[in-house]
Amino acid sequence: MASRFGKTLHPASLSRIMRTLDLSRQKTRPRHPRTDSARPSRLRKGGSLAR
């Protein structure tokens, strides 16, 4: 914030500003640490694997 806008803000102030702009804090969906990285590509929507 300081380098782009020239102002420093406390994180609580930033969340208050976001709420006044009707925005919300976005977070990524948590993943299990032992998840197989190849598995999501095999389970995509679109039907059977044996096409």
Protein backbone atom coordinates (compact mmCIF):
# COMPACT_ATOMS: atom_id res chain seq x y z
CA MET A 1 0.00 0.00 0.00
CA ALA A 2 2.73 2.42 0.92
CA SER A 3 4.66 2.02 -2.33
CA ARG A 4 1.58 2.25 -4.55
CA PHE A 5 -0.58 4.87 -2.80
CA GLY A 6 1.88 6.61 -0.48
CA LYS A 7 -0.07 5.70 2.69
CA THR A 8 0.43 3.10 5.37
CA LEU A 9 -2.61 1.36 6.82
CA HIS A 10 -3.15 -1.04 9.66
CA PRO A 11 -4.76 -4.32 8.48
CA ALA A 12 -7.91 -3.56 10.52
CA SER A 13 -8.28 -0.26 8.68
CA LEU A 14 -7.97 -1.97 5.33
CA SER A 15 -10.71 -4.49 6.16
CA ARG A 16 -12.98 -1.63 7.26
CA ILE A 17 -12.40 0.14 3.94
CA MET A 18 -13.12 -3.06 2.03
CA ARG A 19 -16.42 -3.50 3.88
CA THR A 20 -17.49 0.07 3.05
CA LEU A 21 -16.81 -0.73 -0.63
CA ASP A 22 -18.97 -3.88 -0.24
CA LEU A 23 -15.97 -6.17 -0.81
CA SER A 24 -14.98 -9.23 1.20
CA ARG A 25 -11.70 -10.93 2.02
CA GLN A 26 -11.12 -13.84 -0.37
CA LYS A 27 -9.29 -16.96 0.76
CA THR A 28 -8.17 -20.02 -1.16
CA ARG A 29 -9.83 -23.32 -0.44
CA PRO A 30 -7.75 -25.43 1.98
CA ARG A 31 -6.14 -28.62 0.70
CA HIS A 32 -5.04 -31.68 2.56
CA PRO A 33 -1.21 -31.92 2.73
CA ARG A 34 -1.18 -35.50 1.41
CA THR A 35 -3.36 -34.82 -1.64
CA ASP A 36 -2.32 -36.50 -4.89
CA SER A 37 -1.60 -33.70 -7.40
CA ALA A 38 -2.50 -35.87 -10.44
CA ARG A 39 -5.90 -36.90 -9.09
CA PRO A 40 -7.95 -33.73 -9.91
CA SER A 41 -7.22 -34.06 -13.65
CA ARG A 42 -8.54 -37.64 -13.58
CA LEU A 43 -11.75 -36.63 -11.80
CA ARG A 44 -12.84 -33.69 -13.95
CA LYS A 45 -16.45 -33.44 -15.13
CA GLY A 46 -17.16 -34.75 -18.57
CA GLY A 47 -18.08 -38.39 -18.26
CA SER A 48 -16.29 -41.67 -18.13
CA LEU A 49 -12.53 -42.05 -18.24
CA ALA A 50 -12.85 -44.83 -20.83
CA ARG A 51 -13.95 -42.76 -23.83
